[in-house]
Amino acid sequence: MQIQASNFIFPGTTQRIFRIDFDASTLEPHDLLWLPHHPRLSHASKKRQAEHLAGRIAAREALRFHGVTDFVPGIGLHREPCWPPGFTGSITHSGNVAMATVVADDPLLRVGMGIDYEEIIAPAVAWDIYDGIIESAERELLAASPLPFNYALTLVFSAKESLFKALFRHVGRYFDFSAASICKIEQKHMILTLNQSLGPYQKDSKFKAVWKGNATQLITLIRFE
């Protein structure tokens, strides 16, 4: 599969993000043999196979940056990436782009990392799906934002995805978008509040998501420890 690798520091942080631009149409069956867990993808669509492969390539590069060579995260019981001991990270993909980032773990802290990359939801689609992403109070917050509604909704969707990825390793179960609400949106970050207790995190716990975007896509990042 044809790919192009790059990396960058997420603005306002010290977190390095590894990006893979890929062409799914160039994926060949033997490309998947690079994945130790390739049999688990045998029945997936070509698009899904390409996304997964690109995400794991990005993750390998992120781990290599931290001194871990030739490690490809496997797939956990809940389809989450399996990171090597001493590290945790997050993988995301949308369209023909995959990204990953890694942080050193700490046995004395609850380290969490979540990243999400999204293409901006079309305005007509945003009005059709918003009630599955936000509640009434959040809708009022988005309406008061200077951002177009579809852009703000994409931002909230992405932030909640990043929060899920960051918390899952500590919570150990799935939870939906109603578990957290956006209570503040700023130009470079937003604050999410838990509407219920999740694992070791109590109701009303707050998490900060940083974000960057342009007219067609955006990225959110949540890191805590």
N, C-alpha and C. Protein backbone atom coordinates (compact mmCIF):
# COMPACT_ATOMS: atom_id res chain seq x y z
N MET A 1 0.84 -1.19 0.00
CA MET A 1 0.00 0.00 0.00
C MET A 1 0.88 1.25 0.00
N GLN A 2 0.53 2.18 -0.82
CA GLN A 2 1.29 3.42 -0.90
C GLN A 2 0.96 4.32 0.30
N ILE A 3 2.01 4.76 0.99
CA ILE A 3 1.82 5.62 2.16
C ILE A 3 2.84 6.75 2.14
N GLN A 4 2.53 7.78 2.92
CA GLN A 4 3.48 8.86 3.16
C GLN A 4 3.43 9.16 4.65
N ALA A 5 4.58 9.09 5.31
CA ALA A 5 4.65 9.28 6.76
C ALA A 5 5.15 10.68 7.11
N SER A 6 4.59 11.23 8.17
CA SER A 6 5.04 12.52 8.69
C SER A 6 4.69 12.59 10.18
N ASN A 7 5.16 13.61 10.85
CA ASN A 7 4.80 13.79 12.26
C ASN A 7 4.84 15.27 12.60
N PHE A 8 4.17 15.63 13.67
CA PHE A 8 4.11 17.02 14.09
C PHE A 8 3.80 17.09 15.58
N ILE A 9 4.10 18.22 16.18
CA ILE A 9 3.75 18.47 17.57
C ILE A 9 2.37 19.10 17.61
N PHE A 10 1.47 18.53 18.39
CA PHE A 10 0.12 19.08 18.49
C PHE A 10 0.22 20.48 19.10
N PRO A 11 -0.33 21.50 18.44
CA PRO A 11 -0.21 22.88 18.92
C PRO A 11 -0.65 23.04 20.38
N GLY A 12 0.14 23.76 21.13
CA GLY A 12 -0.18 24.02 22.53
C GLY A 12 0.20 22.91 23.47
N THR A 13 0.85 21.85 22.96
CA THR A 13 1.26 20.72 23.79
C THR A 13 2.68 20.32 23.42
N THR A 14 3.17 19.29 24.09
CA THR A 14 4.45 18.70 23.72
C THR A 14 4.24 17.32 23.07
N GLN A 15 2.99 16.99 22.75
CA GLN A 15 2.66 15.66 22.26
C GLN A 15 2.94 15.54 20.77
N ARG A 16 3.76 14.54 20.40
CA ARG A 16 4.08 14.33 18.99
C ARG A 16 3.08 13.35 18.37
N ILE A 17 2.53 13.76 17.24
CA ILE A 17 1.54 12.97 16.53
C ILE A 17 2.18 12.41 15.25
N PHE A 18 1.97 11.13 15.00
CA PHE A 18 2.51 10.48 13.80
C PHE A 18 1.36 10.25 12.82
N ARG A 19 1.56 10.72 11.60
CA ARG A 19 0.52 10.71 10.58
C ARG A 19 0.93 9.85 9.38
N ILE A 20 -0.02 9.07 8.90
CA ILE A 20 0.17 8.27 7.69
C ILE A 20 -0.92 8.63 6.69
N ASP A 21 -0.53 9.19 5.55
CA ASP A 21 -1.45 9.38 4.44
C ASP A 21 -1.35 8.13 3.56
N PHE A 22 -2.49 7.55 3.21
CA PHE A 22 -2.46 6.28 2.48
C PHE A 22 -3.47 6.27 1.35
N ASP A 23 -3.21 5.39 0.40
CA ASP A 23 -4.11 5.19 -0.73
C ASP A 23 -4.66 3.77 -0.62
N ALA A 24 -5.90 3.66 -0.15
CA ALA A 24 -6.49 2.34 0.08
C ALA A 24 -6.59 1.52 -1.19
N SER A 25 -6.69 2.18 -2.33
CA SER A 25 -6.84 1.45 -3.59
C SER A 25 -5.57 0.68 -3.97
N THR A 26 -4.44 1.03 -3.33
CA THR A 26 -3.18 0.36 -3.65
C THR A 26 -2.88 -0.80 -2.69
N LEU A 27 -3.78 -1.07 -1.75
CA LEU A 27 -3.57 -2.16 -0.80
C LEU A 27 -3.55 -3.50 -1.53
N GLU A 28 -2.53 -4.30 -1.23
CA GLU A 28 -2.42 -5.66 -1.76
C GLU A 28 -2.59 -6.65 -0.61
N PRO A 29 -3.14 -7.83 -0.87
CA PRO A 29 -3.37 -8.80 0.20
C PRO A 29 -2.13 -9.09 1.04
N HIS A 30 -0.96 -9.14 0.39
CA HIS A 30 0.25 -9.48 1.15
C HIS A 30 0.67 -8.35 2.09
N ASP A 31 0.17 -7.13 1.88
CA ASP A 31 0.52 -6.03 2.79
C ASP A 31 0.08 -6.33 4.22
N LEU A 32 -1.04 -7.03 4.35
CA LEU A 32 -1.57 -7.31 5.68
C LEU A 32 -0.72 -8.31 6.45
N LEU A 33 0.13 -9.06 5.76
CA LEU A 33 0.97 -10.04 6.45
C LEU A 33 1.96 -9.36 7.39
N TRP A 34 2.15 -8.06 7.22
CA TRP A 34 3.00 -7.28 8.11
C TRP A 34 2.42 -7.22 9.53
N LEU A 35 1.10 -7.40 9.64
CA LEU A 35 0.42 -7.37 10.93
C LEU A 35 0.44 -8.74 11.58
N PRO A 36 0.95 -8.86 12.80
CA PRO A 36 0.94 -10.17 13.46
C PRO A 36 -0.47 -10.76 13.60
N HIS A 37 -1.47 -9.88 13.68
CA HIS A 37 -2.85 -10.33 13.87
C HIS A 37 -3.65 -10.29 12.57
N HIS A 38 -2.98 -10.40 11.44
CA HIS A 38 -3.66 -10.25 10.15
C HIS A 38 -4.84 -11.20 9.92
N PRO A 39 -4.86 -12.43 10.50
CA PRO A 39 -6.03 -13.28 10.27
C PRO A 39 -7.34 -12.65 10.76
N ARG A 40 -7.26 -11.78 11.75
CA ARG A 40 -8.48 -11.17 12.29
C ARG A 40 -9.09 -10.16 11.32
N LEU A 41 -8.35 -9.80 10.28
CA LEU A 41 -8.86 -8.85 9.30
C LEU A 41 -9.28 -9.51 7.99
N SER A 42 -9.24 -10.83 7.95
CA SER A 42 -9.45 -11.54 6.69
C SER A 42 -10.84 -11.29 6.09
N HIS A 43 -11.83 -11.01 6.91
CA HIS A 43 -13.18 -10.82 6.39
C HIS A 43 -13.58 -9.34 6.34
N ALA A 44 -12.66 -8.45 6.68
CA ALA A 44 -12.96 -7.01 6.65
C ALA A 44 -12.93 -6.49 5.22
N SER A 45 -13.59 -5.38 4.99
CA SER A 45 -13.56 -4.76 3.67
C SER A 45 -12.15 -4.24 3.38
N LYS A 46 -11.86 -4.00 2.12
CA LYS A 46 -10.55 -3.48 1.74
C LYS A 46 -10.31 -2.13 2.39
N LYS A 47 -11.34 -1.30 2.47
CA LYS A 47 -11.22 0.02 3.11
C LYS A 47 -10.85 -0.13 4.58
N ARG A 48 -11.54 -1.02 5.28
CA ARG A 48 -11.26 -1.24 6.70
C ARG A 48 -9.85 -1.80 6.88
N GLN A 49 -9.45 -2.72 6.03
CA GLN A 49 -8.10 -3.29 6.12
C GLN A 49 -7.04 -2.21 5.95
N ALA A 50 -7.25 -1.32 4.98
CA ALA A 50 -6.28 -0.25 4.72
C ALA A 50 -6.22 0.72 5.89
N GLU A 51 -7.37 1.08 6.44
CA GLU A 51 -7.40 1.99 7.60
C GLU A 51 -6.66 1.38 8.78
N HIS A 52 -6.94 0.12 9.04
CA HIS A 52 -6.30 -0.55 10.17
C HIS A 52 -4.79 -0.63 9.98
N LEU A 53 -4.37 -1.02 8.80
CA LEU A 53 -2.94 -1.12 8.52
C LEU A 53 -2.26 0.23 8.68
N ALA A 54 -2.85 1.29 8.13
CA ALA A 54 -2.25 2.62 8.25
C ALA A 54 -2.17 3.07 9.70
N GLY A 55 -3.21 2.77 10.48
CA GLY A 55 -3.20 3.13 11.89
C GLY A 55 -2.11 2.41 12.66
N ARG A 56 -1.91 1.13 12.35
CA ARG A 56 -0.86 0.37 13.04
C ARG A 56 0.53 0.83 12.60
N ILE A 57 0.69 1.24 11.35
CA ILE A 57 1.98 1.79 10.92
C ILE A 57 2.27 3.06 11.69
N ALA A 58 1.26 3.93 11.85
CA ALA A 58 1.44 5.16 12.61
C ALA A 58 1.80 4.84 14.06
N ALA A 59 1.14 3.83 14.64
CA ALA A 59 1.42 3.45 16.02
C ALA A 59 2.84 2.91 16.17
N ARG A 60 3.27 2.11 15.21
CA ARG A 60 4.65 1.59 15.27
C ARG A 60 5.66 2.73 15.23
N GLU A 61 5.40 3.73 14.39
CA GLU A 61 6.31 4.86 14.31
C GLU A 61 6.31 5.65 15.60
N ALA A 62 5.15 5.80 16.22
CA ALA A 62 5.07 6.51 17.50
C ALA A 62 5.85 5.77 18.58
N LEU A 63 5.73 4.45 18.61
CA LEU A 63 6.46 3.66 19.60
C LEU A 63 7.96 3.71 19.32
N ARG A 64 8.34 3.67 18.05
CA ARG A 64 9.75 3.75 17.69
C ARG A 64 10.37 5.05 18.19
N PHE A 65 9.62 6.12 18.10
CA PHE A 65 10.10 7.42 18.60
C PHE A 65 10.42 7.33 20.09
N HIS A 66 9.68 6.48 20.81
CA HIS A 66 9.89 6.32 22.25
C HIS A 66 10.85 5.18 22.57
N GLY A 67 11.52 4.66 21.56
CA GLY A 67 12.54 3.65 21.79
C GLY A 67 12.07 2.22 21.74
N VAL A 68 10.81 1.99 21.37
CA VAL A 68 10.28 0.64 21.26
C VAL A 68 10.29 0.26 19.78
N THR A 69 11.12 -0.68 19.42
CA THR A 69 11.28 -1.02 18.00
C THR A 69 10.47 -2.25 17.60
N ASP A 70 9.95 -2.19 16.39
CA ASP A 70 9.27 -3.34 15.77
C ASP A 70 8.12 -3.91 16.59
N PHE A 71 7.36 -3.02 17.24
CA PHE A 71 6.18 -3.48 17.98
C PHE A 71 4.94 -2.95 17.27
N VAL A 72 4.03 -3.85 16.94
CA VAL A 72 2.77 -3.48 16.31
C VAL A 72 1.64 -3.81 17.28
N PRO A 73 0.88 -2.81 17.77
CA PRO A 73 -0.20 -3.09 18.72
C PRO A 73 -1.22 -4.07 18.16
N GLY A 74 -1.54 -5.08 18.93
CA GLY A 74 -2.55 -6.04 18.54
C GLY A 74 -3.95 -5.51 18.80
N ILE A 75 -4.93 -6.42 18.79
CA ILE A 75 -6.33 -6.06 19.00
C ILE A 75 -6.81 -6.72 20.28
N GLY A 76 -7.34 -5.92 21.21
CA GLY A 76 -7.81 -6.44 22.49
C GLY A 76 -9.20 -7.06 22.40
N LEU A 77 -9.71 -7.49 23.54
CA LEU A 77 -11.01 -8.14 23.61
C LEU A 77 -12.14 -7.23 23.14
N HIS A 78 -11.95 -5.93 23.35
CA HIS A 78 -12.97 -4.96 22.94
C HIS A 78 -12.52 -4.18 21.71
N ARG A 79 -11.60 -4.77 20.97
CA ARG A 79 -11.06 -4.19 19.72
C ARG A 79 -10.19 -2.96 19.96
N GLU A 80 -9.77 -2.77 21.20
CA GLU A 80 -8.87 -1.66 21.51
C GLU A 80 -7.43 -2.04 21.16
N PRO A 81 -6.56 -1.07 20.84
CA PRO A 81 -5.15 -1.39 20.59
C PRO A 81 -4.47 -1.91 21.85
N CYS A 82 -3.61 -2.90 21.69
CA CYS A 82 -2.86 -3.46 22.82
C CYS A 82 -1.44 -2.88 22.80
N TRP A 83 -1.17 -1.97 23.70
CA TRP A 83 0.13 -1.30 23.74
C TRP A 83 1.13 -2.10 24.55
N PRO A 84 2.43 -1.92 24.32
CA PRO A 84 3.44 -2.66 25.07
C PRO A 84 3.50 -2.18 26.52
N PRO A 85 4.00 -3.00 27.42
CA PRO A 85 4.14 -2.58 28.81
C PRO A 85 4.93 -1.28 28.91
N GLY A 86 4.44 -0.38 29.74
CA GLY A 86 5.13 0.89 29.95
C GLY A 86 4.65 2.02 29.07
N PHE A 87 3.70 1.74 28.18
CA PHE A 87 3.21 2.78 27.26
C PHE A 87 1.70 2.65 27.06
N THR A 88 1.10 3.76 26.73
CA THR A 88 -0.28 3.77 26.27
C THR A 88 -0.38 4.79 25.14
N GLY A 89 -1.41 4.66 24.35
CA GLY A 89 -1.52 5.56 23.21
C GLY A 89 -2.90 5.55 22.62
N SER A 90 -3.01 6.10 21.43
CA SER A 90 -4.31 6.19 20.77
C SER A 90 -4.09 6.24 19.27
N ILE A 91 -5.05 5.67 18.54
CA ILE A 91 -5.01 5.62 17.07
C ILE A 91 -6.32 6.17 16.53
N THR A 92 -6.25 6.89 15.42
CA THR A 92 -7.45 7.39 14.77
C THR A 92 -7.26 7.38 13.27
N HIS A 93 -8.36 7.31 12.54
CA HIS A 93 -8.28 7.40 11.08
C HIS A 93 -9.58 7.95 10.53
N SER A 94 -9.47 8.64 9.43
CA SER A 94 -10.63 9.16 8.72
C SER A 94 -10.20 9.42 7.28
N GLY A 95 -11.04 9.02 6.33
CA GLY A 95 -10.68 9.20 4.93
C GLY A 95 -9.41 8.44 4.60
N ASN A 96 -8.42 9.14 4.07
CA ASN A 96 -7.15 8.51 3.69
C ASN A 96 -6.02 8.90 4.63
N VAL A 97 -6.37 9.21 5.89
CA VAL A 97 -5.38 9.62 6.88
C VAL A 97 -5.55 8.79 8.15
N ALA A 98 -4.43 8.34 8.70
CA ALA A 98 -4.40 7.68 10.01
C ALA A 98 -3.38 8.38 10.88
N MET A 99 -3.63 8.43 12.17
CA MET A 99 -2.71 9.06 13.11
C MET A 99 -2.62 8.23 14.38
N ALA A 100 -1.49 8.38 15.06
CA ALA A 100 -1.30 7.71 16.34
C ALA A 100 -0.37 8.55 17.21
N THR A 101 -0.53 8.37 18.51
CA THR A 101 0.37 9.04 19.44
C THR A 101 0.52 8.16 20.67
N VAL A 102 1.65 8.28 21.34
CA VAL A 102 2.00 7.40 22.45
C VAL A 102 2.56 8.23 23.59
N VAL A 103 2.32 7.77 24.81
CA VAL A 103 2.88 8.42 25.99
C VAL A 103 3.37 7.33 26.95
N ALA A 104 4.43 7.62 27.68
CA ALA A 104 4.93 6.67 28.67
C ALA A 104 3.92 6.51 29.80
N ASP A 105 3.71 5.28 30.21
CA ASP A 105 2.77 5.01 31.29
C ASP A 105 3.44 5.26 32.64
N ASP A 106 2.63 5.29 33.69
CA ASP A 106 3.14 5.47 35.04
C ASP A 106 2.27 4.64 35.97
N PRO A 107 2.84 3.63 36.65
CA PRO A 107 2.03 2.76 37.50
C PRO A 107 1.40 3.48 38.69
N LEU A 108 1.90 4.67 39.00
CA LEU A 108 1.37 5.42 40.14
C LEU A 108 0.30 6.42 39.73
N LEU A 109 0.08 6.57 38.44
CA LEU A 109 -0.89 7.54 37.94
C LEU A 109 -1.85 6.87 36.96
N ARG A 110 -3.02 7.47 36.80
CA ARG A 110 -3.97 6.99 35.79
C ARG A 110 -3.72 7.78 34.51
N VAL A 111 -2.78 7.32 33.72
CA VAL A 111 -2.44 8.01 32.48
C VAL A 111 -3.48 7.66 31.41
N GLY A 112 -3.93 8.67 30.72
CA GLY A 112 -4.90 8.45 29.65
C GLY A 112 -4.51 9.24 28.41
N MET A 113 -4.75 8.66 27.24
CA MET A 113 -4.43 9.34 25.99
C MET A 113 -5.52 9.02 24.96
N GLY A 114 -6.05 10.06 24.35
CA GLY A 114 -7.06 9.88 23.32
C GLY A 114 -6.87 10.89 22.22
N ILE A 115 -6.92 10.44 20.98
CA ILE A 115 -6.83 11.33 19.82
C ILE A 115 -7.91 10.93 18.83
N ASP A 116 -8.49 11.94 18.17
CA ASP A 116 -9.51 11.65 17.17
C ASP A 116 -9.40 12.65 16.03
N TYR A 117 -9.49 12.13 14.83
CA TYR A 117 -9.41 12.95 13.61
C TYR A 117 -10.72 12.78 12.85
N GLU A 118 -11.35 13.89 12.49
CA GLU A 118 -12.64 13.83 11.81
C GLU A 118 -12.70 14.81 10.65
N GLU A 119 -13.39 14.41 9.60
CA GLU A 119 -13.76 15.34 8.55
C GLU A 119 -15.03 16.06 8.98
N ILE A 120 -15.16 17.34 8.65
CA ILE A 120 -16.27 18.14 9.13
C ILE A 120 -17.60 17.58 8.60
N ILE A 121 -18.54 17.39 9.50
CA ILE A 121 -19.86 16.89 9.14
C ILE A 121 -20.58 17.92 8.27
N ALA A 122 -21.22 17.46 7.22
CA ALA A 122 -21.96 18.36 6.34
C ALA A 122 -23.13 18.99 7.11
N PRO A 123 -23.47 20.26 6.82
CA PRO A 123 -24.54 20.94 7.56
C PRO A 123 -25.85 20.16 7.61
N ALA A 124 -26.32 19.64 6.48
CA ALA A 124 -27.59 18.91 6.46
C ALA A 124 -27.52 17.65 7.31
N VAL A 125 -26.38 16.97 7.28
CA VAL A 125 -26.21 15.76 8.08
C VAL A 125 -26.18 16.10 9.56
N ALA A 126 -25.53 17.21 9.91
CA ALA A 126 -25.42 17.61 11.32
C ALA A 126 -26.80 17.77 11.95
N TRP A 127 -27.74 18.37 11.22
CA TRP A 127 -29.07 18.58 11.77
C TRP A 127 -29.85 17.27 11.88
N ASP A 128 -29.45 16.26 11.13
CA ASP A 128 -30.12 14.97 11.20
C ASP A 128 -29.63 14.12 12.37
N ILE A 129 -28.38 14.29 12.76
CA ILE A 129 -27.78 13.37 13.74
C ILE A 129 -27.44 13.99 15.08
N TYR A 130 -27.63 15.30 15.24
CA TYR A 130 -27.10 15.97 16.44
C TYR A 130 -27.66 15.41 17.74
N ASP A 131 -28.93 14.93 17.74
CA ASP A 131 -29.51 14.47 19.00
C ASP A 131 -28.93 13.15 19.48
N GLY A 132 -28.12 12.50 18.65
CA GLY A 132 -27.40 11.32 19.10
C GLY A 132 -26.03 11.64 19.66
N ILE A 133 -25.64 12.91 19.60
CA ILE A 133 -24.31 13.35 20.02
C ILE A 133 -24.37 14.30 21.21
N ILE A 134 -25.36 15.20 21.20
CA ILE A 134 -25.45 16.22 22.24
C ILE A 134 -26.84 16.25 22.86
N GLU A 135 -26.91 16.85 24.06
CA GLU A 135 -28.19 17.05 24.74
C GLU A 135 -28.57 18.52 24.62
N SER A 136 -29.72 18.88 25.16
CA SER A 136 -30.27 20.23 24.97
C SER A 136 -29.33 21.33 25.47
N ALA A 137 -28.73 21.13 26.64
CA ALA A 137 -27.82 22.15 27.18
C ALA A 137 -26.60 22.32 26.28
N GLU A 138 -26.12 21.23 25.73
CA GLU A 138 -24.98 21.31 24.82
C GLU A 138 -25.38 22.00 23.51
N ARG A 139 -26.61 21.75 23.07
CA ARG A 139 -27.06 22.41 21.85
C ARG A 139 -27.08 23.93 22.04
N GLU A 140 -27.52 24.37 23.22
CA GLU A 140 -27.52 25.81 23.50
C GLU A 140 -26.09 26.36 23.51
N LEU A 141 -25.17 25.58 24.06
CA LEU A 141 -23.77 26.00 24.08
C LEU A 141 -23.23 26.12 22.67
N LEU A 142 -23.55 25.17 21.82
CA LEU A 142 -23.08 25.20 20.44
C LEU A 142 -23.72 26.37 19.69
N ALA A 143 -25.00 26.65 19.98
CA ALA A 143 -25.68 27.76 19.31
C ALA A 143 -25.06 29.10 19.67
N ALA A 144 -24.51 29.19 20.89
CA ALA A 144 -23.87 30.43 21.33
C ALA A 144 -22.43 30.55 20.85
N SER A 145 -21.90 29.48 20.30
CA SER A 145 -20.52 29.49 19.82
C SER A 145 -20.42 30.24 18.50
N PRO A 146 -19.29 30.91 18.25
CA PRO A 146 -19.12 31.57 16.95
C PRO A 146 -18.88 30.58 15.81
N LEU A 147 -18.68 29.32 16.14
CA LEU A 147 -18.45 28.31 15.12
C LEU A 147 -19.77 27.92 14.45
N PRO A 148 -19.76 27.60 13.16
CA PRO A 148 -20.97 27.07 12.52
C PRO A 148 -21.42 25.80 13.24
N PHE A 149 -22.72 25.57 13.27
CA PHE A 149 -23.25 24.45 14.04
C PHE A 149 -22.63 23.12 13.64
N ASN A 150 -22.50 22.87 12.34
CA ASN A 150 -21.96 21.58 11.90
C ASN A 150 -20.49 21.42 12.31
N TYR A 151 -19.75 22.53 12.32
CA TYR A 151 -18.34 22.47 12.73
C TYR A 151 -18.26 22.20 14.23
N ALA A 152 -19.07 22.92 15.00
CA ALA A 152 -19.06 22.73 16.45
C ALA A 152 -19.52 21.33 16.83
N LEU A 153 -20.49 20.79 16.09
CA LEU A 153 -20.95 19.44 16.38
C LEU A 153 -19.86 18.42 16.09
N THR A 154 -19.13 18.61 15.01
CA THR A 154 -18.00 17.73 14.70
C THR A 154 -16.97 17.79 15.81
N LEU A 155 -16.74 18.98 16.32
CA LEU A 155 -15.78 19.17 17.41
C LEU A 155 -16.20 18.41 18.65
N VAL A 156 -17.47 18.50 19.00
CA VAL A 156 -17.97 17.79 20.18
C VAL A 156 -17.90 16.27 19.96
N PHE A 157 -18.32 15.83 18.79
CA PHE A 157 -18.24 14.40 18.46
C PHE A 157 -16.80 13.90 18.63
N SER A 158 -15.86 14.64 18.08
CA SER A 158 -14.46 14.24 18.15
C SER A 158 -13.94 14.23 19.58
N ALA A 159 -14.29 15.27 20.34
CA ALA A 159 -13.83 15.34 21.74
C ALA A 159 -14.36 14.18 22.56
N LYS A 160 -15.60 13.79 22.33
CA LYS A 160 -16.17 12.66 23.07
C LYS A 160 -15.52 11.34 22.65
N GLU A 161 -15.16 11.24 21.38
CA GLU A 161 -14.42 10.06 20.93
C GLU A 161 -13.04 10.00 21.60
N SER A 162 -12.37 11.13 21.68
CA SER A 162 -11.05 11.18 22.33
C SER A 162 -11.17 10.83 23.81
N LEU A 163 -12.23 11.33 24.45
CA LEU A 163 -12.42 11.03 25.87
C LEU A 163 -12.65 9.53 26.07
N PHE A 164 -13.47 8.92 25.21
CA PHE A 164 -13.71 7.49 25.31
C PHE A 164 -12.39 6.72 25.22
N LYS A 165 -11.57 7.07 24.25
CA LYS A 165 -10.30 6.37 24.07
C LYS A 165 -9.38 6.54 25.27
N ALA A 166 -9.37 7.75 25.83
CA ALA A 166 -8.49 8.03 26.96
C ALA A 166 -8.95 7.32 28.23
N LEU A 167 -10.27 7.18 28.42
CA LEU A 167 -10.79 6.61 29.66
C LEU A 167 -10.96 5.10 29.60
N PHE A 168 -11.10 4.54 28.41
CA PHE A 168 -11.50 3.14 28.30
C PHE A 168 -10.59 2.20 29.08
N ARG A 169 -9.31 2.40 29.03
CA ARG A 169 -8.38 1.47 29.70
C ARG A 169 -8.60 1.44 31.20
N HIS A 170 -9.15 2.53 31.77
CA HIS A 170 -9.41 2.60 33.21
C HIS A 170 -10.84 2.20 33.56
N VAL A 171 -11.76 2.44 32.62
CA VAL A 171 -13.16 2.12 32.86
C VAL A 171 -13.46 0.66 32.53
N GLY A 172 -12.88 0.16 31.42
CA GLY A 172 -13.00 -1.24 31.07
C GLY A 172 -14.31 -1.65 30.45
N ARG A 173 -15.12 -0.70 30.05
CA ARG A 173 -16.39 -1.03 29.38
C ARG A 173 -16.78 0.11 28.46
N TYR A 174 -17.69 -0.18 27.56
CA TYR A 174 -18.17 0.84 26.64
C TYR A 174 -19.10 1.80 27.36
N PHE A 175 -19.09 3.05 26.94
CA PHE A 175 -20.07 4.03 27.40
C PHE A 175 -20.35 4.96 26.23
N ASP A 176 -21.55 5.52 26.18
CA ASP A 176 -21.93 6.30 25.02
C ASP A 176 -21.73 7.80 25.24
N PHE A 177 -22.12 8.59 24.25
CA PHE A 177 -21.87 10.03 24.29
C PHE A 177 -22.61 10.73 25.43
N SER A 178 -23.68 10.12 25.95
CA SER A 178 -24.43 10.76 27.03
C SER A 178 -23.66 10.74 28.35
N ALA A 179 -22.57 9.98 28.41
CA ALA A 179 -21.79 9.87 29.66
C ALA A 179 -21.04 11.15 29.99
N ALA A 180 -20.85 12.03 29.00
CA ALA A 180 -20.11 13.27 29.24
C ALA A 180 -20.75 14.39 28.42
N SER A 181 -20.59 15.61 28.93
CA SER A 181 -21.12 16.78 28.23
C SER A 181 -20.03 17.83 28.08
N ILE A 182 -20.11 18.58 27.00
CA ILE A 182 -19.24 19.73 26.81
C ILE A 182 -19.79 20.89 27.63
N CYS A 183 -18.95 21.50 28.45
CA CYS A 183 -19.42 22.64 29.24
C CYS A 183 -18.72 23.93 28.85
N LYS A 184 -17.70 23.84 28.01
CA LYS A 184 -17.02 25.05 27.55
C LYS A 184 -16.32 24.76 26.23
N ILE A 185 -16.43 25.68 25.29
CA ILE A 185 -15.70 25.59 24.02
C ILE A 185 -14.93 26.89 23.82
N GLU A 186 -13.63 26.75 23.70
CA GLU A 186 -12.77 27.91 23.44
C GLU A 186 -12.09 27.71 22.09
N GLN A 187 -11.29 28.70 21.71
CA GLN A 187 -10.67 28.66 20.39
C GLN A 187 -9.69 27.49 20.24
N LYS A 188 -9.05 27.09 21.34
CA LYS A 188 -8.05 26.04 21.24
C LYS A 188 -8.31 24.84 22.15
N HIS A 189 -9.31 24.94 23.01
CA HIS A 189 -9.60 23.80 23.89
C HIS A 189 -11.07 23.81 24.31
N MET A 190 -11.49 22.73 24.92
CA MET A 190 -12.84 22.65 25.49
C MET A 190 -12.80 21.77 26.73
N ILE A 191 -13.83 21.87 27.54
CA ILE A 191 -13.92 21.12 28.79
C ILE A 191 -15.12 20.18 28.73
N LEU A 192 -14.87 18.92 29.10
CA LEU A 192 -15.92 17.92 29.17
C LEU A 192 -16.14 17.53 30.62
N THR A 193 -17.39 17.33 31.00
CA THR A 193 -17.76 16.94 32.36
C THR A 193 -18.50 15.61 32.32
N LEU A 194 -18.13 14.71 33.23
CA LEU A 194 -18.83 13.42 33.28
C LEU A 194 -20.22 13.59 33.88
N ASN A 195 -21.20 13.00 33.24
CA ASN A 195 -22.58 13.02 33.73
C ASN A 195 -22.87 11.84 34.64
N GLN A 196 -21.92 10.93 34.76
CA GLN A 196 -22.08 9.74 35.60
C GLN A 196 -20.70 9.27 36.01
N SER A 197 -20.66 8.47 37.04
CA SER A 197 -19.38 7.89 37.45
C SER A 197 -18.98 6.82 36.45
N LEU A 198 -17.70 6.79 36.11
CA LEU A 198 -17.16 5.80 35.19
C LEU A 198 -15.90 5.20 35.81
N GLY A 199 -15.98 3.94 36.22
CA GLY A 199 -14.81 3.31 36.84
C GLY A 199 -14.33 4.14 38.02
N PRO A 200 -13.05 4.51 38.03
CA PRO A 200 -12.51 5.28 39.16
C PRO A 200 -12.83 6.77 39.09
N TYR A 201 -13.52 7.22 38.04
CA TYR A 201 -13.80 8.65 37.86
C TYR A 201 -15.23 8.97 38.30
N GLN A 202 -15.32 9.96 39.18
CA GLN A 202 -16.61 10.32 39.74
C GLN A 202 -17.40 11.25 38.82
N LYS A 203 -18.71 11.23 38.99
CA LYS A 203 -19.56 12.17 38.28
C LYS A 203 -19.07 13.59 38.51
N ASP A 204 -19.13 14.43 37.50
CA ASP A 204 -18.68 15.83 37.50
C ASP A 204 -17.17 15.98 37.35
N SER A 205 -16.44 14.86 37.18
CA SER A 205 -15.01 14.98 36.86
C SER A 205 -14.87 15.70 35.53
N LYS A 206 -13.84 16.54 35.41
CA LYS A 206 -13.65 17.34 34.21
C LYS A 206 -12.37 16.95 33.48
N PHE A 207 -12.43 17.05 32.16
CA PHE A 207 -11.31 16.71 31.31
C PHE A 207 -11.16 17.78 30.24
N LYS A 208 -9.92 18.10 29.92
CA LYS A 208 -9.64 19.15 28.92
C LYS A 208 -9.23 18.50 27.60
N ALA A 209 -9.86 18.93 26.54
CA ALA A 209 -9.51 18.49 25.20
C ALA A 209 -8.95 19.68 24.43
N VAL A 210 -7.79 19.51 23.81
CA VAL A 210 -7.25 20.56 22.94
C VAL A 210 -7.61 20.19 21.51
N TRP A 211 -7.69 21.19 20.64
CA TRP A 211 -8.09 20.89 19.27
C TRP A 211 -7.44 21.84 18.28
N LYS A 212 -7.36 21.37 17.06
CA LYS A 212 -6.89 22.17 15.94
C LYS A 212 -7.69 21.73 14.71
N GLY A 213 -7.92 22.67 13.81
CA GLY A 213 -8.68 22.30 12.63
C GLY A 213 -8.60 23.34 11.54
N ASN A 214 -9.15 22.99 10.40
CA ASN A 214 -9.28 23.93 9.29
C ASN A 214 -10.68 23.80 8.73
N ALA A 215 -10.90 24.22 7.52
CA ALA A 215 -12.25 24.25 6.97
C ALA A 215 -12.82 22.87 6.69
N THR A 216 -11.97 21.86 6.59
CA THR A 216 -12.47 20.55 6.18
C THR A 216 -12.27 19.42 7.20
N GLN A 217 -11.36 19.58 8.16
CA GLN A 217 -11.14 18.54 9.15
C GLN A 217 -10.61 19.12 10.46
N LEU A 218 -10.68 18.32 11.50
CA LEU A 218 -10.16 18.76 12.79
C LEU A 218 -9.64 17.56 13.57
N ILE A 219 -8.83 17.86 14.58
CA ILE A 219 -8.25 16.83 15.45
C ILE A 219 -8.46 17.27 16.89
N THR A 220 -8.83 16.33 17.76
CA THR A 220 -8.89 16.62 19.19
C THR A 220 -7.93 15.69 19.91
N LEU A 221 -7.45 16.15 21.05
CA LEU A 221 -6.48 15.38 21.85
C LEU A 221 -6.78 15.57 23.31
N ILE A 222 -6.84 14.46 24.05
CA ILE A 222 -7.00 14.48 25.50
C ILE A 222 -5.86 13.66 26.10
N ARG A 223 -5.13 14.28 27.00
CA ARG A 223 -4.08 13.58 27.73
C ARG A 223 -4.20 13.96 29.19
N PHE A 224 -4.17 12.96 30.08
CA PHE A 224 -4.20 13.26 31.51
C PHE A 224 -3.36 12.23 32.26
N GLU A 225 -3.00 12.62 33.46
CA GLU A 225 -2.23 11.71 34.32
C GLU A 225 -2.37 12.14 35.76
